[in-house]
Protein backbone atom coordinates (compact mmCIF):
# COMPACT_ATOMS: atom_id res chain seq x y z
CA MET A 1 -126.30 204.08 52.56
CA ALA A 2 -129.38 205.32 54.42
CA LYS A 3 -132.61 205.55 52.45
CA ILE A 4 -133.32 209.02 51.08
CA GLY A 5 -136.50 210.46 52.53
CA LYS A 6 -136.38 214.08 51.36
CA ILE A 7 -134.70 216.00 48.55
CA GLU A 8 -134.35 219.77 48.76
CA VAL A 9 -132.94 222.06 46.07
CA LYS A 10 -131.65 225.32 47.55
CA LYS A 11 -132.88 227.78 44.91
CA ASP A 12 -130.63 230.57 46.20
CA ILE A 13 -127.56 228.38 45.56
CA CYS A 14 -128.62 226.60 42.32
CA ILE A 15 -127.05 227.92 39.13
CA GLY A 16 -128.97 225.63 36.76
CA ALA A 17 -125.88 223.80 35.51
CA GLY A 18 -127.98 220.69 34.95
CA PRO A 19 -125.89 217.65 35.91
CA CYS A 20 -128.67 216.58 38.28
CA GLU A 21 -131.12 216.47 35.38
CA ALA A 22 -128.59 214.63 33.20
CA ILE A 23 -127.92 211.99 35.88
CA ALA A 24 -131.47 211.56 37.23
CA PRO A 25 -133.89 213.05 34.66
CA ASN A 26 -136.94 211.43 36.24
CA VAL A 27 -136.18 213.20 39.54
CA PHE A 28 -134.77 216.61 38.57
CA LYS A 29 -135.64 219.20 35.93
CA VAL A 30 -134.17 222.63 35.27
CA ASN A 31 -137.19 224.93 35.11
CA ALA A 32 -137.88 228.06 33.07
CA GLU A 33 -136.19 230.20 35.73
CA GLY A 34 -132.97 228.20 35.27
CA LYS A 35 -133.22 226.47 38.65
CA ALA A 36 -133.36 222.76 39.33
CA GLU A 37 -136.52 221.39 40.87
CA VAL A 38 -137.64 217.98 42.08
CA ILE A 39 -140.32 216.54 39.80
CA ASP A 40 -140.47 213.04 41.34
CA PRO A 41 -138.51 212.28 44.53
CA LYS A 42 -138.98 208.53 43.95
CA GLY A 43 -138.17 208.67 40.21
CA ASP A 44 -134.79 206.93 40.46
CA THR A 45 -132.65 204.83 42.76
CA ASP A 46 -131.16 206.39 45.89
CA GLU A 47 -127.73 205.74 44.40
CA ASN A 48 -128.51 207.78 41.27
CA ILE A 49 -130.10 210.56 43.33
CA MET A 50 -126.96 210.71 45.49
CA ALA A 51 -124.81 210.78 42.32
CA ALA A 52 -126.92 213.64 40.96
CA ALA A 53 -126.53 215.60 44.21
CA LYS A 54 -122.77 214.97 44.22
CA GLY A 55 -122.62 216.11 40.59
CA CYS A 56 -123.99 219.54 41.44
CA PRO A 57 -121.08 221.99 41.08
CA VAL A 58 -122.42 224.27 43.83
CA GLN A 59 -123.87 221.60 46.18
CA ALA A 60 -127.40 223.02 45.94
CA ILE A 61 -129.08 219.62 46.43
CA TYR A 62 -129.59 218.56 50.03
CA LEU A 63 -130.55 214.99 50.82
CA TYR A 64 -132.10 213.81 54.08
CA ASP A 65 -132.92 210.34 55.36
CA GLU A 66 -136.39 209.29 56.45
CA ALA A 67 -135.73 210.57 60.01
CA GLY A 68 -134.67 214.00 58.72
CA LYS A 69 -130.92 213.54 59.21
CA GLN A 70 -128.88 215.30 56.52
CA LEU A 71 -127.08 212.83 54.25
CA PHE A 72 -125.55 215.28 51.77
CA PRO A 73 -123.78 217.65 51.58
């Protein structure tokens, strides 16, 4: 797997379900508005960050490699 360089949460898609926070709590947090946000992009392994993104029921988490190529979704 390519190294994750950027994590983006699409706020207009996010429904605040929270699996990202459950899987990678050092990276993601559901804020007061009920939307996930990135609190530390290097707070977990790339594997756990990918698992958190894949766990999002609406695919609101976009992952990019260090060159900007989209890795997920």
